[in-house]
Amino acid sequence: SWYNRAGVERVMGFCTPEEYEEFLRTVPQFEEMLMNAGTTLVKLWFSIDRAEQQRRLDRRRSNPLKQWKLSTVDLLAQQEWEAFTRYKEAMFAGTSTPDSPWIVVQGNHKKRARLESIRYLLSNAGYQDKGNAKIDLRPDPNTIMRFHRAVRRID
């Protein structure tokens, strides 16, 4: 993700403090330019808790078909949990705007998170016959929520 600059790259030292600050300063301007040019911008953050991350990492380690997915960053994820959380929250606070908010998806349950994300996208998109949908398009507010600056420690 392009937003890795504000999290992974900062925590792991892949960018300088100056590059990190410039990123946070310019993201809202860049997103505004994209939207002014007609781009629909939706920022979904799939959030899992620390225990679920550990379970997923353990499954990757033990599954020969998934071991290729493990990276150095993944292997340090649990050790750096607090730093990742701190920088993620700073990214949300610095880059979530009224026109381009972060939508946080509680992702411990993968299938539910994916289905509710689709429901969110469909409920916010305009398309022909949308009003004739045979299902409720409103996403579950316990799974999908808009980031608010007052929210802390969402994981």
C-alpha atoms as a PDB file:
ATOM      1  CA  SER A   1       0.000   0.000   0.000  1.00  0.00           C
ATOM      2  CA  TRP A   2       1.078   3.549  -0.662  1.00  0.00           C
ATOM      3  CA  TYR A   3       0.216   4.271   2.975  1.00  0.00           C
ATOM      4  CA  ASN A   4       2.995   1.929   4.137  1.00  0.00           C
ATOM      5  CA  ARG A   5       5.189   5.037   4.312  1.00  0.00           C
ATOM      6  CA  ALA A   6       3.279   6.081   7.445  1.00  0.00           C
ATOM      7  CA  GLY A   7       3.488   2.682   9.147  1.00  0.00           C
ATOM      8  CA  VAL A   8       5.765  -0.111   8.021  1.00  0.00           C
ATOM      9  CA  GLU A   9       8.374   2.149   6.449  1.00  0.00           C
ATOM     10  CA  ARG A  10       8.529   4.417   9.498  1.00  0.00           C
ATOM     11  CA  VAL A  11       8.667   1.602  12.068  1.00  0.00           C
ATOM     12  CA  MET A  12      11.220  -0.427  10.118  1.00  0.00           C
ATOM     13  CA  GLY A  13      13.409   2.562   9.231  1.00  0.00           C
ATOM     14  CA  PHE A  14      12.790   2.266   5.477  1.00  0.00           C
ATOM     15  CA  CYS A  15      12.202   6.016   5.264  1.00  0.00           C
ATOM     16  CA  THR A  16      13.722   8.989   7.028  1.00  0.00           C
ATOM     17  CA  PRO A  17      11.811  11.021   9.635  1.00  0.00           C
ATOM     18  CA  GLU A  18      11.696  13.848   7.084  1.00  0.00           C
ATOM     19  CA  GLU A  19      10.191  11.604   4.396  1.00  0.00           C
ATOM     20  CA  TYR A  20       7.610  10.391   6.909  1.00  0.00           C
ATOM     21  CA  GLU A  21       6.639  13.960   7.898  1.00  0.00           C
ATOM     22  CA  GLU A  22       6.415  15.046   4.254  1.00  0.00           C
ATOM     23  CA  PHE A  23       4.179  12.064   3.515  1.00  0.00           C
ATOM     24  CA  LEU A  24       1.749  12.928   6.307  1.00  0.00           C
ATOM     25  CA  ARG A  25       1.736  16.585   5.275  1.00  0.00           C
ATOM     26  CA  THR A  26       1.063  15.927   1.585  1.00  0.00           C
ATOM     27  CA  VAL A  27      -1.365  12.971   1.693  1.00  0.00           C
ATOM     28  CA  PRO A  28      -4.517  15.068   2.210  1.00  0.00           C
ATOM     29  CA  GLN A  29      -3.506  17.392  -0.637  1.00  0.00           C
ATOM     30  CA  PHE A  30      -2.780  14.493  -2.980  1.00  0.00           C
ATOM     31  CA  GLU A  31      -6.049  12.744  -2.111  1.00  0.00           C
ATOM     32  CA  GLU A  32      -7.944  15.979  -2.737  1.00  0.00           C
ATOM     33  CA  MET A  33      -6.300  16.280  -6.158  1.00  0.00           C
ATOM     34  CA  LEU A  34      -7.350  12.718  -7.013  1.00  0.00           C
ATOM     35  CA  MET A  35     -10.944  13.352  -5.951  1.00  0.00           C
ATOM     36  CA  ASN A  36     -11.065  16.680  -7.808  1.00  0.00           C
ATOM     37  CA  ALA A  37     -10.015  14.764 -10.929  1.00  0.00           C
ATOM     38  CA  GLY A  38     -13.008  12.435 -10.520  1.00  0.00           C
ATOM     39  CA  THR A  39     -11.386   9.504  -8.738  1.00  0.00           C
ATOM     40  CA  THR A  40     -13.533   7.783  -6.143  1.00  0.00           C
ATOM     41  CA  LEU A  41     -11.277   7.208  -3.179  1.00  0.00           C
ATOM     42  CA  VAL A  42     -12.168   4.672  -0.504  1.00  0.00           C
ATOM     43  CA  LYS A  43      -9.664   3.895   2.248  1.00  0.00           C
ATOM     44  CA  LEU A  44     -10.410   0.614   4.021  1.00  0.00           C
ATOM     45  CA  TRP A  45      -8.224  -0.522   6.915  1.00  0.00           C
ATOM     46  CA  PHE A  46      -8.661  -4.171   7.856  1.00  0.00           C
ATOM     47  CA  SER A  47      -7.850  -4.275  11.532  1.00  0.00           C
ATOM     48  CA  ILE A  48      -7.033  -7.418  13.487  1.00  0.00           C
ATOM     49  CA  ASP A  49      -6.039  -7.753  17.104  1.00  0.00           C
ATOM     50  CA  ARG A  50      -2.664  -8.961  18.282  1.00  0.00           C
ATOM     51  CA  ALA A  51      -3.825 -12.493  19.120  1.00  0.00           C
ATOM     52  CA  GLU A  52      -5.393 -12.940  15.671  1.00  0.00           C
ATOM     53  CA  GLN A  53      -2.222 -11.672  14.013  1.00  0.00           C
ATOM     54  CA  GLN A  54      -0.215 -14.249  15.966  1.00  0.00           C
ATOM     55  CA  ARG A  55      -2.620 -17.042  14.926  1.00  0.00           C
ATOM     56  CA  ARG A  56      -2.327 -16.047  11.262  1.00  0.00           C
ATOM     57  CA  LEU A  57       1.455 -15.845  11.432  1.00  0.00           C
ATOM     58  CA  ASP A  58       1.616 -19.265  13.123  1.00  0.00           C
ATOM     59  CA  ARG A  59      -0.581 -20.760  10.378  1.00  0.00           C
ATOM     60  CA  ARG A  60       1.687 -19.286   7.715  1.00  0.00           C
ATOM     61  CA  ARG A  61       4.787 -20.684   9.409  1.00  0.00           C
ATOM     62  CA  SER A  62       3.313 -24.181   9.620  1.00  0.00           C
ATOM     63  CA  ASN A  63       1.769 -24.315   6.136  1.00  0.00           C
ATOM     64  CA  PRO A  64       4.334 -25.057   3.398  1.00  0.00           C
ATOM     65  CA  LEU A  65       1.991 -23.523   0.819  1.00  0.00           C
ATOM     66  CA  LYS A  66       1.877 -20.214   2.706  1.00  0.00           C
ATOM     67  CA  GLN A  67       5.415 -19.901   4.058  1.00  0.00           C
ATOM     68  CA  TRP A  68       6.436 -17.853   1.040  1.00  0.00           C
ATOM     69  CA  LYS A  69       4.154 -15.072   2.329  1.00  0.00           C
ATOM     70  CA  LEU A  70       6.280 -14.508   5.429  1.00  0.00           C
ATOM     71  CA  SER A  71       8.625 -11.548   5.251  1.00  0.00           C
ATOM     72  CA  THR A  72      11.106  -9.997   7.648  1.00  0.00           C
ATOM     73  CA  VAL A  73       8.477  -7.403   8.513  1.00  0.00           C
ATOM     74  CA  ASP A  74       5.950 -10.151   9.293  1.00  0.00           C
ATOM     75  CA  LEU A  75       8.416 -11.875  11.572  1.00  0.00           C
ATOM     76  CA  LEU A  76       8.880  -8.634  13.553  1.00  0.00           C
ATOM     77  CA  ALA A  77       5.167  -7.748  13.605  1.00  0.00           C
ATOM     78  CA  GLN A  78       4.450  -9.004  17.119  1.00  0.00           C
ATOM     79  CA  GLN A  79       7.661  -7.550  18.531  1.00  0.00           C
ATOM     80  CA  GLU A  80       6.866  -4.118  17.031  1.00  0.00           C
ATOM     81  CA  TRP A  81       3.098  -4.214  17.698  1.00  0.00           C
ATOM     82  CA  GLU A  82       3.069  -1.081  19.869  1.00  0.00           C
ATOM     83  CA  ALA A  83       5.117   0.945  17.384  1.00  0.00           C
ATOM     84  CA  PHE A  84       2.926  -0.154  14.450  1.00  0.00           C
ATOM     85  CA  THR A  85      -0.167   0.774  16.457  1.00  0.00           C
ATOM     86  CA  ARG A  86       1.209   4.195  17.397  1.00  0.00           C
ATOM     87  CA  TYR A  87       2.133   5.069  13.804  1.00  0.00           C
ATOM     88  CA  LYS A  88      -1.128   3.666  12.421  1.00  0.00           C
ATOM     89  CA  GLU A  89      -3.084   5.919  14.768  1.00  0.00           C
ATOM     90  CA  ALA A  90      -0.932   8.902  13.756  1.00  0.00           C
ATOM     91  CA  MET A  91      -1.580   8.087  10.093  1.00  0.00           C
ATOM     92  CA  PHE A  92      -5.328   7.911  10.696  1.00  0.00           C
ATOM     93  CA  ALA A  93      -5.293  11.218  12.560  1.00  0.00           C
ATOM     94  CA  GLY A  94      -3.167  12.921   9.883  1.00  0.00           C
ATOM     95  CA  THR A  95      -4.784  11.524   6.752  1.00  0.00           C
ATOM     96  CA  SER A  96      -8.450  10.946   7.564  1.00  0.00           C
ATOM     97  CA  THR A  97     -10.478  13.892   6.284  1.00  0.00           C
ATOM     98  CA  PRO A  98     -14.223  14.507   5.940  1.00  0.00           C
ATOM     99  CA  ASP A  99     -13.991  13.896   2.176  1.00  0.00           C
ATOM    100  CA  SER A 100     -11.558  10.992   2.469  1.00  0.00           C
ATOM    101  CA  PRO A 101     -12.070   9.202   5.785  1.00  0.00           C
ATOM    102  CA  TRP A 102     -10.470   5.973   6.872  1.00  0.00           C
ATOM    103  CA  ILE A 103     -13.021   3.190   7.152  1.00  0.00           C
ATOM    104  CA  VAL A 104     -11.924   0.688   9.779  1.00  0.00           C
ATOM    105  CA  VAL A 105     -13.014  -2.900   9.191  1.00  0.00           C
ATOM    106  CA  GLN A 106     -12.840  -5.230  12.169  1.00  0.00           C
ATOM    107  CA  GLY A 107     -11.079  -8.100  10.420  1.00  0.00           C
ATOM    108  CA  ASN A 108     -10.570 -10.900  12.933  1.00  0.00           C
ATOM    109  CA  HIS A 109     -13.309 -12.818  11.108  1.00  0.00           C
ATOM    110  CA  LYS A 110     -12.060 -12.707   7.498  1.00  0.00           C
ATOM    111  CA  LYS A 111     -15.236 -13.723   5.703  1.00  0.00           C
ATOM    112  CA  ARG A 112     -17.433 -11.306   7.654  1.00  0.00           C
ATOM    113  CA  ALA A 113     -14.934  -8.482   7.126  1.00  0.00           C
ATOM    114  CA  ARG A 114     -14.857  -9.080   3.381  1.00  0.00           C
ATOM    115  CA  LEU A 115     -18.631  -9.328   3.017  1.00  0.00           C
ATOM    116  CA  GLU A 116     -19.266  -6.221   5.110  1.00  0.00           C
ATOM    117  CA  SER A 117     -16.646  -4.319   3.094  1.00  0.00           C
ATOM    118  CA  ILE A 118     -18.456  -5.238  -0.109  1.00  0.00           C
ATOM    119  CA  ARG A 119     -21.724  -4.165   1.521  1.00  0.00           C
ATOM    120  CA  TYR A 120     -20.092  -0.845   2.480  1.00  0.00           C
ATOM    121  CA  LEU A 121     -18.839  -0.245  -1.065  1.00  0.00           C
ATOM    122  CA  LEU A 122     -22.205  -1.101  -2.603  1.00  0.00           C
ATOM    123  CA  SER A 123     -24.096   1.077  -0.126  1.00  0.00           C
ATOM    124  CA  ASN A 124     -21.928   4.077  -1.007  1.00  0.00           C
ATOM    125  CA  ALA A 125     -21.757   3.603  -4.774  1.00  0.00           C
ATOM    126  CA  GLY A 126     -24.335   4.975  -7.151  1.00  0.00           C
ATOM    127  CA  TYR A 127     -25.565   2.545  -9.760  1.00  0.00           C
ATOM    128  CA  GLN A 128     -28.704   1.711 -11.700  1.00  0.00           C
ATOM    129  CA  ASP A 129     -31.390  -0.234  -9.790  1.00  0.00           C
ATOM    130  CA  LYS A 130     -29.571   0.166  -6.487  1.00  0.00           C
ATOM    131  CA  GLY A 131     -32.902   0.818  -4.776  1.00  0.00           C
ATOM    132  CA  ASN A 132     -34.172  -2.559  -5.969  1.00  0.00           C
ATOM    133  CA  ALA A 133     -31.562  -4.574  -4.061  1.00  0.00           C
ATOM    134  CA  LYS A 134     -33.106  -7.585  -2.402  1.00  0.00           C
ATOM    135  CA  ILE A 135     -30.696  -7.408   0.528  1.00  0.00           C
ATOM    136  CA  ASP A 136     -29.925  -4.748   3.095  1.00  0.00           C
ATOM    137  CA  LEU A 137     -26.865  -2.886   1.856  1.00  0.00           C
ATOM    138  CA  ARG A 138     -26.158  -1.134   5.137  1.00  0.00           C
ATOM    139  CA  PRO A 139     -22.938  -2.551   6.609  1.00  0.00           C
ATOM    140  CA  ASP A 140     -22.850  -3.878  10.152  1.00  0.00           C
ATOM    141  CA  PRO A 141     -21.693  -0.960  12.353  1.00  0.00           C
ATOM    142  CA  ASN A 142     -19.919  -3.450  14.627  1.00  0.00           C
ATOM    143  CA  THR A 143     -17.688  -4.470  11.707  1.00  0.00           C
ATOM    144  CA  ILE A 144     -17.432  -1.279   9.626  1.00  0.00           C
ATOM    145  CA  MET A 145     -16.823   2.096  11.225  1.00  0.00           C
ATOM    146  CA  ARG A 146     -15.480   5.455  10.216  1.00  0.00           C
ATOM    147  CA  PHE A 147     -12.290   6.551  11.961  1.00  0.00           C
ATOM    148  CA  HIS A 148     -12.792   9.396  14.391  1.00  0.00           C
ATOM    149  CA  ARG A 149      -9.910  11.223  16.020  1.00  0.00           C
ATOM    150  CA  ALA A 150     -11.343  10.449  19.459  1.00  0.00           C
ATOM    151  CA  VAL A 151     -10.977   6.703  18.835  1.00  0.00           C
ATOM    152  CA  ARG A 152      -7.867   5.255  20.430  1.00  0.00           C
ATOM    153  CA  ARG A 153      -6.534   1.753  20.629  1.00  0.00           C
ATOM    154  CA  ILE A 154      -8.909   0.271  18.083  1.00  0.00           C
ATOM    155  CA  ASP A 155      -7.001  -3.011  17.933  1.00  0.00           C
END
